[in-house]
Amino acid sequence: MSKRTRAVGRAGRGVRGPLLALSLLGLGLLAPSPFVLSLSGLGALPAFGQEAAGETVLTPQQLLENLKSKTFSGKRIDLQMSKVSLQAVMAELEKAAGFHFDTDPTIDDKVSYQMRNIPWDEALAVVLSENALKIDINLEGDGFKVYRGDKYVVAFHNPAKWKLFKFFYSNLFTIVAAAVVVAALLIGLRLFRKRRATYRAATPPKALLAPDASEETKKKLLDLFEVGKIYRQEQLTLQSLAKELSVTTHQLSWIINSVFKLSFPSLVNSYRVKEVKSRLSDRAMNQTSILQAAFDAGFSTKAAFNRAFRKFTGMTPSQFKKTNHR
């Protein structure tokens, strides 16, 4: 190849890059920004999708290291804000950083900044330093907590415990509010019951039977229990006893409450326990088992008998039998 041919070839290669760029611009396939064209060649153009020289995409940990070492490599920005809250400043830095800065809502200082062409992480360092702010990676690891004061670290080795702590931490206000409401309801319910009990004690129950009818029913009731031993009937109920006395269940309950100061089940069990005690105290009945005596008195189950016996005597049937033989 002759010298002339090589010179033309070099000349062609020298202008090929700019001509290609100008052609693409004319066709609308290449935008002039953010690239800077040079007629002397396209060798300085950055590849599509890469950061410009000197700019680095930072991880949360790298940002903390940059702040500690004061070595900054973030994208350059202009931070020009006058008499705005720190919350607004941190929001502006979020846009450049790509991280979420969860700034303590109590931090609402008014500040002004006039910083031009400065790495965003350096701008962040200035804001943190001038306002005595601290920064740490948040619990999720994808952003930061910005705060003042001391930092408390909680370490978990069990993932389940960590999730539980995170749930309570995230819903602390709701949980506390619910606990206060429940406590208030329980206290109110207790006071209501106490006041109602006081009122009932101070107010005598309204008579449901005329005095003569009430006295006659009382005598019949005592006769059925003392003589007829009706309590031995295992299936004895308030309804069946009321029918036997020719009164309503409400009237019978009123008589039992006013005369014996007991409920119907307690009245029946008191007579049953009284009979069992009598049999256990008699040496002549020594061959009869405790459980047989309970069933003969009208108890249907061993558990019900033991529960009632302890209620009225304060001891078990066996203990009573050992200490009360005649």
C-alpha atoms as a PDB file:
ATOM      1  CA  MET A   1       0.000   0.000   0.000  1.00  0.00           C
ATOM      2  CA  SER A   2       1.395   3.445  -0.941  1.00  0.00           C
ATOM      3  CA  LYS A   3       2.013   6.246   1.556  1.00  0.00           C
ATOM      4  CA  ARG A   4      -0.860   8.224   0.029  1.00  0.00           C
ATOM      5  CA  THR A   5      -3.301   5.360   0.526  1.00  0.00           C
ATOM      6  CA  ARG A   6      -2.208   4.894   4.191  1.00  0.00           C
ATOM      7  CA  ALA A   7      -2.612   8.643   4.830  1.00  0.00           C
ATOM      8  CA  VAL A   8      -6.137   8.647   3.440  1.00  0.00           C
ATOM      9  CA  GLY A   9      -6.971   5.592   5.537  1.00  0.00           C
ATOM     10  CA  ARG A  10      -5.698   7.314   8.681  1.00  0.00           C
ATOM     11  CA  ALA A  11      -7.657  10.450   7.746  1.00  0.00           C
ATOM     12  CA  GLY A  12     -10.800   8.375   7.217  1.00  0.00           C
ATOM     13  CA  ARG A  13     -10.426   6.720  10.611  1.00  0.00           C
ATOM     14  CA  GLY A  14      -9.853  10.120  12.213  1.00  0.00           C
ATOM     15  CA  VAL A  15     -13.186  11.532  11.099  1.00  0.00           C
ATOM     16  CA  ARG A  16     -15.239   8.339  11.197  1.00  0.00           C
ATOM     17  CA  GLY A  17     -16.121   8.654  14.910  1.00  0.00           C
ATOM     18  CA  PRO A  18     -17.387  12.274  14.774  1.00  0.00           C
ATOM     19  CA  LEU A  19     -19.276  11.678  11.513  1.00  0.00           C
ATOM     20  CA  LEU A  20     -20.985   8.622  13.033  1.00  0.00           C
ATOM     21  CA  ALA A  21     -21.998  10.589  16.120  1.00  0.00           C
ATOM     22  CA  LEU A  22     -23.321  13.512  14.013  1.00  0.00           C
ATOM     23  CA  SER A  23     -25.296  11.052  11.867  1.00  0.00           C
ATOM     24  CA  LEU A  24     -26.893   9.463  14.919  1.00  0.00           C
ATOM     25  CA  LEU A  25     -27.788  12.857  16.314  1.00  0.00           C
ATOM     26  CA  GLY A  26     -29.459  13.789  13.068  1.00  0.00           C
ATOM     27  CA  LEU A  27     -31.512  10.577  13.146  1.00  0.00           C
ATOM     28  CA  GLY A  28     -32.534  11.168  16.780  1.00  0.00           C
ATOM     29  CA  LEU A  29     -30.833   7.961  17.924  1.00  0.00           C
ATOM     30  CA  LEU A  30     -28.292   9.636  20.139  1.00  0.00           C
ATOM     31  CA  ALA A  31     -29.148  12.356  22.637  1.00  0.00           C
ATOM     32  CA  PRO A  32     -26.556  15.041  23.405  1.00  0.00           C
ATOM     33  CA  SER A  33     -27.023  14.615  27.188  1.00  0.00           C
ATOM     34  CA  PRO A  34     -25.505  13.277  29.374  1.00  0.00           C
ATOM     35  CA  PHE A  35     -22.741  12.527  26.852  1.00  0.00           C
ATOM     36  CA  VAL A  36     -20.244  15.203  25.759  1.00  0.00           C
ATOM     37  CA  LEU A  37     -19.229  14.954  22.125  1.00  0.00           C
ATOM     38  CA  SER A  38     -15.783  15.808  20.961  1.00  0.00           C
ATOM     39  CA  LEU A  39     -15.011  16.400  17.281  1.00  0.00           C
ATOM     40  CA  SER A  40     -11.558  15.081  17.962  1.00  0.00           C
ATOM     41  CA  GLY A  41     -13.027  11.608  18.696  1.00  0.00           C
ATOM     42  CA  LEU A  42     -15.455   9.639  20.886  1.00  0.00           C
ATOM     43  CA  GLY A  43     -12.864   7.889  22.981  1.00  0.00           C
ATOM     44  CA  ALA A  44     -13.888   9.808  26.165  1.00  0.00           C
ATOM     45  CA  LEU A  45     -17.560   8.838  25.986  1.00  0.00           C
ATOM     46  CA  PRO A  46     -18.775   6.650  28.889  1.00  0.00           C
ATOM     47  CA  ALA A  47     -20.452   3.370  28.025  1.00  0.00           C
ATOM     48  CA  PHE A  48     -24.257   3.357  28.319  1.00  0.00           C
ATOM     49  CA  GLY A  49     -25.461   2.423  31.854  1.00  0.00           C
ATOM     50  CA  GLN A  50     -22.177   3.106  33.664  1.00  0.00           C
ATOM     51  CA  GLU A  51     -21.572   5.810  36.260  1.00  0.00           C
ATOM     52  CA  ALA A  52     -19.490   8.777  35.322  1.00  0.00           C
ATOM     53  CA  ALA A  53     -15.841   8.773  36.325  1.00  0.00           C
ATOM     54  CA  GLY A  54     -15.315   9.188  40.076  1.00  0.00           C
ATOM     55  CA  GLU A  55     -18.881   8.128  40.995  1.00  0.00           C
ATOM     56  CA  THR A  56     -19.626   4.859  42.812  1.00  0.00           C
ATOM     57  CA  VAL A  57     -22.817   3.113  43.753  1.00  0.00           C
ATOM     58  CA  LEU A  58     -22.479   2.679  47.520  1.00  0.00           C
ATOM     59  CA  THR A  59     -23.811  -0.057  49.766  1.00  0.00           C
ATOM     60  CA  PRO A  60     -25.050   0.916  53.221  1.00  0.00           C
ATOM     61  CA  GLN A  61     -21.877  -0.451  54.818  1.00  0.00           C
ATOM     62  CA  GLN A  62     -19.647   1.403  52.343  1.00  0.00           C
ATOM     63  CA  LEU A  63     -21.431   4.656  53.130  1.00  0.00           C
ATOM     64  CA  LEU A  64     -20.699   4.237  56.838  1.00  0.00           C
ATOM     65  CA  GLU A  65     -17.056   3.515  56.008  1.00  0.00           C
ATOM     66  CA  ASN A  66     -16.866   6.628  53.801  1.00  0.00           C
ATOM     67  CA  LEU A  67     -18.325   8.783  56.584  1.00  0.00           C
ATOM     68  CA  LYS A  68     -15.855   7.335  59.073  1.00  0.00           C
ATOM     69  CA  SER A  69     -12.786   7.678  56.828  1.00  0.00           C
ATOM     70  CA  LYS A  70     -13.968  10.954  55.249  1.00  0.00           C
ATOM     71  CA  THR A  71     -13.282   9.498  51.819  1.00  0.00           C
ATOM     72  CA  PHE A  72     -16.185  10.406  49.540  1.00  0.00           C
ATOM     73  CA  SER A  73     -17.076   8.903  46.175  1.00  0.00           C
ATOM     74  CA  GLY A  74     -20.771   9.656  45.671  1.00  0.00           C
ATOM     75  CA  LYS A  75     -22.356  11.468  42.740  1.00  0.00           C
ATOM     76  CA  ARG A  76     -21.744  15.209  42.799  1.00  0.00           C
ATOM     77  CA  ILE A  77     -24.779  17.332  43.581  1.00  0.00           C
ATOM     78  CA  ASP A  78     -25.795  20.898  44.378  1.00  0.00           C
ATOM     79  CA  LEU A  79     -27.404  21.237  47.812  1.00  0.00           C
ATOM     80  CA  GLN A  80     -28.826  24.753  47.895  1.00  0.00           C
ATOM     81  CA  MET A  81     -31.616  25.145  50.450  1.00  0.00           C
ATOM     82  CA  SER A  82     -32.493  28.137  52.620  1.00  0.00           C
ATOM     83  CA  LYS A  83     -34.299  28.077  55.984  1.00  0.00           C
ATOM     84  CA  VAL A  84     -35.764  24.610  55.605  1.00  0.00           C
ATOM     85  CA  SER A  85     -36.204  21.776  58.093  1.00  0.00           C
ATOM     86  CA  LEU A  86     -33.605  19.075  58.479  1.00  0.00           C
ATOM     87  CA  GLN A  87     -36.292  16.634  57.407  1.00  0.00           C
ATOM     88  CA  ALA A  88     -36.425  18.388  54.008  1.00  0.00           C
ATOM     89  CA  VAL A  89     -32.632  18.328  53.707  1.00  0.00           C
ATOM     90  CA  MET A  90     -32.521  14.592  54.440  1.00  0.00           C
ATOM     91  CA  ALA A  91     -35.286  14.012  51.896  1.00  0.00           C
ATOM     92  CA  GLU A  92     -33.201  15.836  49.252  1.00  0.00           C
ATOM     93  CA  LEU A  93     -30.159  13.720  50.109  1.00  0.00           C
ATOM     94  CA  GLU A  94     -32.316  10.588  49.793  1.00  0.00           C
ATOM     95  CA  LYS A  95     -32.883  11.382  46.115  1.00  0.00           C
ATOM     96  CA  ALA A  96     -29.164  11.450  45.412  1.00  0.00           C
ATOM     97  CA  ALA A  97     -28.263   8.513  47.670  1.00  0.00           C
ATOM     98  CA  GLY A  98     -30.950   6.046  46.645  1.00  0.00           C
ATOM     99  CA  PHE A  99     -31.260   5.088  50.340  1.00  0.00           C
ATOM    100  CA  HIS A 100     -34.083   5.829  52.765  1.00  0.00           C
ATOM    101  CA  PHE A 101     -33.034   8.040  55.681  1.00  0.00           C
ATOM    102  CA  ASP A 102     -35.497   7.455  58.521  1.00  0.00           C
ATOM    103  CA  THR A 103     -34.915  10.659  60.443  1.00  0.00           C
ATOM    104  CA  ASP A 104     -36.220  10.973  64.003  1.00  0.00           C
ATOM    105  CA  PRO A 105     -39.424  13.062  63.670  1.00  0.00           C
ATOM    106  CA  THR A 106     -38.454  15.126  66.721  1.00  0.00           C
ATOM    107  CA  ILE A 107     -35.539  16.550  64.756  1.00  0.00           C
ATOM    108  CA  ASP A 108     -37.054  19.626  63.078  1.00  0.00           C
ATOM    109  CA  ASP A 109     -34.233  22.201  63.124  1.00  0.00           C
ATOM    110  CA  LYS A 110     -34.296  24.975  60.503  1.00  0.00           C
ATOM    111  CA  VAL A 111     -31.101  25.098  58.434  1.00  0.00           C
ATOM    112  CA  SER A 112     -29.623  26.610  55.270  1.00  0.00           C
ATOM    113  CA  TYR A 113     -27.023  25.126  52.930  1.00  0.00           C
ATOM    114  CA  GLN A 114     -25.236  26.434  49.841  1.00  0.00           C
ATOM    115  CA  MET A 115     -23.086  23.562  48.589  1.00  0.00           C
ATOM    116  CA  ARG A 116     -22.245  23.177  44.919  1.00  0.00           C
ATOM    117  CA  ASN A 117     -20.620  20.342  42.989  1.00  0.00           C
ATOM    118  CA  ILE A 118     -20.009  18.203  46.083  1.00  0.00           C
ATOM    119  CA  PRO A 119     -20.266  14.406  46.465  1.00  0.00           C
ATOM    120  CA  TRP A 120     -23.605  13.607  48.066  1.00  0.00           C
ATOM    121  CA  ASP A 121     -21.985  11.492  50.790  1.00  0.00           C
ATOM    122  CA  GLU A 122     -19.727  14.446  51.673  1.00  0.00           C
ATOM    123  CA  ALA A 123     -22.808  16.686  51.818  1.00  0.00           C
ATOM    124  CA  LEU A 124     -24.403  14.131  54.129  1.00  0.00           C
ATOM    125  CA  ALA A 125     -21.308  14.157  56.351  1.00  0.00           C
ATOM    126  CA  VAL A 126     -21.507  17.952  56.620  1.00  0.00           C
ATOM    127  CA  VAL A 127     -25.204  17.860  57.570  1.00  0.00           C
ATOM    128  CA  LEU A 128     -24.653  15.137  60.175  1.00  0.00           C
ATOM    129  CA  SER A 129     -21.643  16.881  61.710  1.00  0.00           C
ATOM    130  CA  GLU A 130     -23.145  20.377  61.890  1.00  0.00           C
ATOM    131  CA  ASN A 131     -26.359  19.137  63.500  1.00  0.00           C
ATOM    132  CA  ALA A 132     -24.888  16.560  65.917  1.00  0.00           C
ATOM    133  CA  LEU A 133     -26.724  13.735  64.191  1.00  0.00           C
ATOM    134  CA  LYS A 134     -25.861  10.037  64.237  1.00  0.00           C
ATOM    135  CA  ILE A 135     -26.539   7.473  61.550  1.00  0.00           C
ATOM    136  CA  ASP A 136     -26.807   3.681  61.564  1.00  0.00           C
ATOM    137  CA  ILE A 137     -28.100   0.995  59.219  1.00  0.00           C
ATOM    138  CA  ASN A 138     -31.757   0.248  59.941  1.00  0.00           C
ATOM    139  CA  LEU A 139     -33.134  -3.115  61.072  1.00  0.00           C
ATOM    140  CA  GLU A 140     -33.950  -4.180  57.505  1.00  0.00           C
ATOM    141  CA  GLY A 141     -30.437  -3.392  56.268  1.00  0.00           C
ATOM    142  CA  ASP A 142     -31.639  -1.358  53.272  1.00  0.00           C
ATOM    143  CA  GLY A 143     -31.592   2.150  54.713  1.00  0.00           C
ATOM    144  CA  PHE A 144     -30.562   4.240  57.695  1.00  0.00           C
ATOM    145  CA  LYS A 145     -31.788   5.562  61.014  1.00  0.00           C
ATOM    146  CA  VAL A 146     -30.819   9.176  61.669  1.00  0.00           C
ATOM    147  CA  TYR A 147     -31.090  10.256  65.296  1.00  0.00           C
ATOM    148  CA  ARG A 148     -29.601  12.142  68.232  1.00  0.00           C
ATOM    149  CA  GLY A 149     -28.535  10.658  71.560  1.00  0.00           C
ATOM    150  CA  ASP A 150     -27.442   7.171  72.548  1.00  0.00           C
ATOM    151  CA  LYS A 151     -27.837   4.017  70.504  1.00  0.00           C
ATOM    152  CA  TYR A 152     -29.082   0.770  72.017  1.00  0.00           C
ATOM    153  CA  VAL A 153     -28.066  -2.480  70.326  1.00  0.00           C
ATOM    154  CA  VAL A 154     -30.136  -5.659  70.684  1.00  0.00           C
ATOM    155  CA  ALA A 155     -28.597  -8.876  69.336  1.00  0.00           C
ATOM    156  CA  PHE A 156     -30.563 -12.016  68.450  1.00  0.00           C
ATOM    157  CA  HIS A 157     -29.164 -15.415  67.537  1.00  0.00           C
ATOM    158  CA  ASN A 158     -32.592 -16.970  67.005  1.00  0.00           C
ATOM    159  CA  PRO A 159     -34.416 -15.774  63.829  1.00  0.00           C
ATOM    160  CA  ALA A 160     -37.817 -16.525  65.383  1.00  0.00           C
ATOM    161  CA  LYS A 161     -37.045 -14.300  68.367  1.00  0.00           C
ATOM    162  CA  TRP A 162     -35.813 -11.587  66.003  1.00  0.00           C
ATOM    163  CA  LYS A 163     -39.083 -11.671  64.029  1.00  0.00           C
ATOM    164  CA  LEU A 164     -41.072 -11.518  67.271  1.00  0.00           C
ATOM    165  CA  PHE A 165     -39.039  -8.546  68.506  1.00  0.00           C
ATOM    166  CA  LYS A 166     -39.404  -6.802  65.157  1.00  0.00           C
ATOM    167  CA  PHE A 167     -43.193  -7.280  65.270  1.00  0.00           C
ATOM    168  CA  PHE A 168     -43.487  -5.805  68.770  1.00  0.00           C
ATOM    169  CA  TYR A 169     -41.062  -3.005  67.922  1.00  0.00           C
ATOM    170  CA  SER A 170     -43.024  -2.067  64.800  1.00  0.00           C
ATOM    171  CA  ASN A 171     -46.396  -2.228  66.569  1.00  0.00           C
ATOM    172  CA  LEU A 172     -45.341  -0.925  69.973  1.00  0.00           C
ATOM    173  CA  PHE A 173     -47.776   1.993  70.053  1.00  0.00           C
ATOM    174  CA  THR A 174     -50.735  -0.182  69.031  1.00  0.00           C
ATOM    175  CA  ILE A 175     -49.850  -2.851  71.586  1.00  0.00           C
ATOM    176  CA  VAL A 176     -49.457  -0.329  74.422  1.00  0.00           C
ATOM    177  CA  ALA A 177     -52.714   1.413  73.486  1.00  0.00           C
ATOM    178  CA  ALA A 178     -54.568  -1.925  73.403  1.00  0.00           C
ATOM    179  CA  ALA A 179     -53.094  -2.915  76.785  1.00  0.00           C
ATOM    180  CA  VAL A 180     -54.209   0.397  78.319  1.00  0.00           C
ATOM    181  CA  VAL A 181     -57.736  -0.048  76.943  1.00  0.00           C
ATOM    182  CA  VAL A 182     -57.973  -3.636  78.223  1.00  0.00           C
ATOM    183  CA  ALA A 183     -56.631  -2.618  81.646  1.00  0.00           C
ATOM    184  CA  ALA A 184     -59.152   0.228  81.842  1.00  0.00           C
ATOM    185  CA  LEU A 185     -62.002  -2.147  80.927  1.00  0.00           C
ATOM    186  CA  LEU A 186     -60.938  -4.697  83.541  1.00  0.00           C
ATOM    187  CA  ILE A 187     -60.638  -2.042  86.251  1.00  0.00           C
ATOM    188  CA  GLY A 188     -64.023  -0.612  85.280  1.00  0.00           C
ATOM    189  CA  LEU A 189     -65.625  -4.084  85.340  1.00  0.00           C
ATOM    190  CA  ARG A 190     -64.157  -4.814  88.776  1.00  0.00           C
ATOM    191  CA  LEU A 191     -65.392  -1.508  90.200  1.00  0.00           C
ATOM    192  CA  PHE A 192     -68.837  -2.127  88.686  1.00  0.00           C
ATOM    193  CA  ARG A 193     -69.090  -5.580  90.263  1.00  0.00           C
ATOM    194  CA  LYS A 194     -67.901  -4.271  93.622  1.00  0.00           C
ATOM    195  CA  ARG A 195     -70.445  -1.452  93.556  1.00  0.00           C
ATOM    196  CA  ARG A 196     -73.228  -3.827  92.507  1.00  0.00           C
ATOM    197  CA  ALA A 197     -72.345  -6.247  95.320  1.00  0.00           C
ATOM    198  CA  THR A 198     -72.378  -3.390  97.832  1.00  0.00           C
ATOM    199  CA  TYR A 199     -75.754  -2.252  96.547  1.00  0.00           C
ATOM    200  CA  ARG A 200     -77.224  -5.747  96.747  1.00  0.00           C
ATOM    201  CA  ALA A 201     -75.913  -6.222 100.276  1.00  0.00           C
ATOM    202  CA  ALA A 202     -77.474  -2.941 101.380  1.00  0.00           C
ATOM    203  CA  THR A 203     -80.774  -3.621  99.609  1.00  0.00           C
ATOM    204  CA  PRO A 204     -82.846  -6.535 100.957  1.00  0.00           C
ATOM    205  CA  PRO A 205     -84.278  -8.786  98.236  1.00  0.00           C
ATOM    206  CA  LYS A 206     -87.862  -8.178  97.297  1.00  0.00           C
ATOM    207  CA  ALA A 207     -90.249 -10.771  98.754  1.00  0.00           C
ATOM    208  CA  LEU A 208     -91.641 -13.094  96.095  1.00  0.00           C
ATOM    209  CA  LEU A 209     -94.132 -14.778  98.424  1.00  0.00           C
ATOM    210  CA  ALA A 210     -96.539 -13.525 101.041  1.00  0.00           C
ATOM    211  CA  PRO A 211     -95.279 -14.053 104.631  1.00  0.00           C
ATOM    212  CA  ASP A 212     -97.681 -16.948 105.332  1.00  0.00           C
ATOM    213  CA  ALA A 213     -96.906 -18.718 102.048  1.00  0.00           C
ATOM    214  CA  SER A 214     -93.204 -18.149 102.571  1.00  0.00           C
ATOM    215  CA  GLU A 215     -93.259 -19.672 106.063  1.00  0.00           C
ATOM    216  CA  GLU A 216     -95.273 -22.685 104.901  1.00  0.00           C
ATOM    217  CA  THR A 217     -92.900 -23.323 101.981  1.00  0.00           C
ATOM    218  CA  LYS A 218     -89.913 -23.050 104.321  1.00  0.00           C
ATOM    219  CA  LYS A 219     -91.348 -25.698 106.656  1.00  0.00           C
ATOM    220  CA  LYS A 220     -92.077 -28.039 103.744  1.00  0.00           C
ATOM    221  CA  LEU A 221     -88.548 -27.530 102.410  1.00  0.00           C
ATOM    222  CA  LEU A 222     -86.956 -28.356 105.773  1.00  0.00           C
ATOM    223  CA  ASP A 223     -89.194 -31.414 106.140  1.00  0.00           C
ATOM    224  CA  LEU A 224     -88.146 -32.696 102.706  1.00  0.00           C
ATOM    225  CA  PHE A 225     -84.452 -32.326 103.575  1.00  0.00           C
ATOM    226  CA  GLU A 226     -84.465 -33.308 107.250  1.00  0.00           C
ATOM    227  CA  VAL A 227     -87.039 -36.092 107.195  1.00  0.00           C
ATOM    228  CA  GLY A 228     -87.569 -37.054 103.581  1.00  0.00           C
ATOM    229  CA  LYS A 229     -83.831 -36.764 102.798  1.00  0.00           C
ATOM    230  CA  ILE A 230     -84.693 -35.630  99.284  1.00  0.00           C
ATOM    231  CA  TYR A 231     -81.063 -34.604  98.762  1.00  0.00           C
ATOM    232  CA  ARG A 232     -80.202 -38.297  98.285  1.00  0.00           C
ATOM    233  CA  GLN A 233     -81.853 -38.147  94.862  1.00  0.00           C
ATOM    234  CA  GLU A 234     -78.933 -37.995  92.434  1.00  0.00           C
ATOM    235  CA  GLN A 235     -81.023 -36.210  89.782  1.00  0.00           C
ATOM    236  CA  LEU A 236     -82.520 -33.632  92.143  1.00  0.00           C
ATOM    237  CA  THR A 237     -82.880 -30.227  90.448  1.00  0.00           C
ATOM    238  CA  LEU A 238     -84.236 -26.825  91.337  1.00  0.00           C
ATOM    239  CA  GLN A 239     -87.125 -27.390  88.927  1.00  0.00           C
ATOM    240  CA  SER A 240     -88.128 -30.762  90.416  1.00  0.00           C
ATOM    241  CA  LEU A 241     -87.929 -29.446  93.984  1.00  0.00           C
ATOM    242  CA  ALA A 242     -89.993 -26.354  93.089  1.00  0.00           C
ATOM    243  CA  LYS A 243     -92.643 -28.612  91.573  1.00  0.00           C
ATOM    244  CA  GLU A 244     -92.649 -30.702  94.765  1.00  0.00           C
ATOM    245  CA  LEU A 245     -93.283 -27.538  96.823  1.00  0.00           C
ATOM    246  CA  SER A 246     -95.803 -26.050  94.352  1.00  0.00           C
ATOM    247  CA  VAL A 247     -93.790 -22.834  93.842  1.00  0.00           C
ATOM    248  CA  THR A 248     -91.842 -21.354  90.930  1.00  0.00           C
ATOM    249  CA  THR A 249     -88.088 -21.749  90.618  1.00  0.00           C
ATOM    250  CA  HIS A 250     -87.639 -18.013  91.285  1.00  0.00           C
ATOM    251  CA  GLN A 251     -89.685 -18.235  94.465  1.00  0.00           C
ATOM    252  CA  LEU A 252     -87.761 -21.311  95.647  1.00  0.00           C
ATOM    253  CA  SER A 253     -84.404 -19.648  94.947  1.00  0.00           C
ATOM    254  CA  TRP A 254     -85.549 -16.602  96.901  1.00  0.00           C
ATOM    255  CA  ILE A 255     -86.514 -18.738  99.931  1.00  0.00           C
ATOM    256  CA  ILE A 256     -83.219 -20.688  99.860  1.00  0.00           C
ATOM    257  CA  ASN A 257     -81.173 -17.475  99.536  1.00  0.00           C
ATOM    258  CA  SER A 258     -83.053 -15.588 102.230  1.00  0.00           C
ATOM    259  CA  VAL A 259     -83.324 -18.431 104.766  1.00  0.00           C
ATOM    260  CA  PHE A 260     -80.148 -20.451 104.272  1.00  0.00           C
ATOM    261  CA  LYS A 261     -77.957 -17.793 102.612  1.00  0.00           C
ATOM    262  CA  LEU A 262     -76.930 -20.458 100.109  1.00  0.00           C
ATOM    263  CA  SER A 263     -77.538 -21.318  96.481  1.00  0.00           C
ATOM    264  CA  PHE A 264     -79.562 -24.404  95.620  1.00  0.00           C
ATOM    265  CA  PRO A 265     -76.499 -26.594  94.721  1.00  0.00           C
ATOM    266  CA  SER A 266     -74.698 -25.532  97.919  1.00  0.00           C
ATOM    267  CA  LEU A 267     -77.758 -26.344 100.039  1.00  0.00           C
ATOM    268  CA  VAL A 268     -78.076 -29.838  98.554  1.00  0.00           C
ATOM    269  CA  ASN A 269     -74.336 -30.550  98.891  1.00  0.00           C
ATOM    270  CA  SER A 270     -74.276 -29.303 102.470  1.00  0.00           C
ATOM    271  CA  TYR A 271     -76.860 -31.953 103.465  1.00  0.00           C
ATOM    272  CA  ARG A 272     -75.044 -34.640 101.480  1.00  0.00           C
ATOM    273  CA  VAL A 273     -71.693 -33.822 103.104  1.00  0.00           C
ATOM    274  CA  LYS A 274     -73.373 -33.746 106.539  1.00  0.00           C
ATOM    275  CA  GLU A 275     -74.645 -37.303 106.010  1.00  0.00           C
ATOM    276  CA  VAL A 276     -71.259 -38.576 104.793  1.00  0.00           C
ATOM    277  CA  LYS A 277     -69.534 -37.007 107.806  1.00  0.00           C
ATOM    278  CA  SER A 278     -71.959 -38.734 110.100  1.00  0.00           C
ATOM    279  CA  ARG A 279     -71.331 -42.116 108.507  1.00  0.00           C
ATOM    280  CA  LEU A 280     -67.539 -41.687 108.494  1.00  0.00           C
ATOM    281  CA  SER A 281     -67.575 -40.778 112.189  1.00  0.00           C
ATOM    282  CA  ASP A 282     -69.532 -43.911 113.165  1.00  0.00           C
ATOM    283  CA  ARG A 283     -67.279 -46.925 113.836  1.00  0.00           C
ATOM    284  CA  ALA A 284     -70.254 -49.193 113.159  1.00  0.00           C
ATOM    285  CA  MET A 285     -70.062 -48.014 109.538  1.00  0.00           C
ATOM    286  CA  ASN A 286     -66.342 -48.767 109.307  1.00  0.00           C
ATOM    287  CA  GLN A 287     -66.878 -51.443 106.675  1.00  0.00           C
ATOM    288  CA  THR A 288     -68.548 -48.950 104.299  1.00  0.00           C
ATOM    289  CA  SER A 289     -66.163 -47.292 101.846  1.00  0.00           C
ATOM    290  CA  ILE A 290     -65.946 -43.540 101.631  1.00  0.00           C
ATOM    291  CA  LEU A 291     -67.045 -43.568  97.987  1.00  0.00           C
ATOM    292  CA  GLN A 292     -70.063 -45.780  98.768  1.00  0.00           C
ATOM    293  CA  ALA A 293     -71.119 -43.377 101.503  1.00  0.00           C
ATOM    294  CA  ALA A 294     -70.834 -40.495  99.027  1.00  0.00           C
ATOM    295  CA  PHE A 295     -72.965 -42.258  96.403  1.00  0.00           C
ATOM    296  CA  ASP A 296     -75.580 -43.199  99.042  1.00  0.00           C
ATOM    297  CA  ALA A 297     -75.792 -39.515 100.033  1.00  0.00           C
ATOM    298  CA  GLY A 298     -76.610 -38.480  96.457  1.00  0.00           C
ATOM    299  CA  PHE A 299     -73.243 -37.557  94.904  1.00  0.00           C
ATOM    300  CA  SER A 300     -72.952 -38.739  91.319  1.00  0.00           C
ATOM    301  CA  THR A 301     -69.160 -38.572  90.876  1.00  0.00           C
ATOM    302  CA  LYS A 302     -66.080 -38.910  93.072  1.00  0.00           C
ATOM    303  CA  ALA A 303     -64.721 -35.546  91.853  1.00  0.00           C
ATOM    304  CA  ALA A 304     -67.915 -33.688  92.776  1.00  0.00           C
ATOM    305  CA  PHE A 305     -67.928 -35.351  96.196  1.00  0.00           C
ATOM    306  CA  ASN A 306     -64.274 -34.534  96.988  1.00  0.00           C
ATOM    307  CA  ARG A 307     -64.740 -30.936  95.862  1.00  0.00           C
ATOM    308  CA  ALA A 308     -67.862 -30.428  97.997  1.00  0.00           C
ATOM    309  CA  PHE A 309     -66.417 -32.233 101.027  1.00  0.00           C
ATOM    310  CA  ARG A 310     -63.271 -30.087 101.055  1.00  0.00           C
ATOM    311  CA  LYS A 311     -65.401 -26.932 100.639  1.00  0.00           C
ATOM    312  CA  PHE A 312     -67.537 -27.640 103.728  1.00  0.00           C
ATOM    313  CA  THR A 313     -64.896 -29.277 105.970  1.00  0.00           C
ATOM    314  CA  GLY A 314     -61.542 -27.941 104.825  1.00  0.00           C
ATOM    315  CA  MET A 315     -60.078 -31.445 104.567  1.00  0.00           C
ATOM    316  CA  THR A 316     -60.245 -34.582 102.450  1.00  0.00           C
ATOM    317  CA  PRO A 317     -62.675 -37.427 103.338  1.00  0.00           C
ATOM    318  CA  SER A 318     -59.753 -39.699 104.296  1.00  0.00           C
ATOM    319  CA  GLN A 319     -58.310 -37.101 106.648  1.00  0.00           C
ATOM    320  CA  PHE A 320     -61.714 -36.586 108.230  1.00  0.00           C
ATOM    321  CA  LYS A 321     -62.260 -40.330 108.700  1.00  0.00           C
ATOM    322  CA  LYS A 322     -58.915 -40.797 110.481  1.00  0.00           C
ATOM    323  CA  THR A 323     -59.555 -38.014 112.971  1.00  0.00           C
ATOM    324  CA  ASN A 324     -63.287 -38.391 113.682  1.00  0.00           C
ATOM    325  CA  HIS A 325     -64.036 -42.024 114.620  1.00  0.00           C
ATOM    326  CA  ARG A 326     -66.338 -42.299 117.638  1.00  0.00           C
END
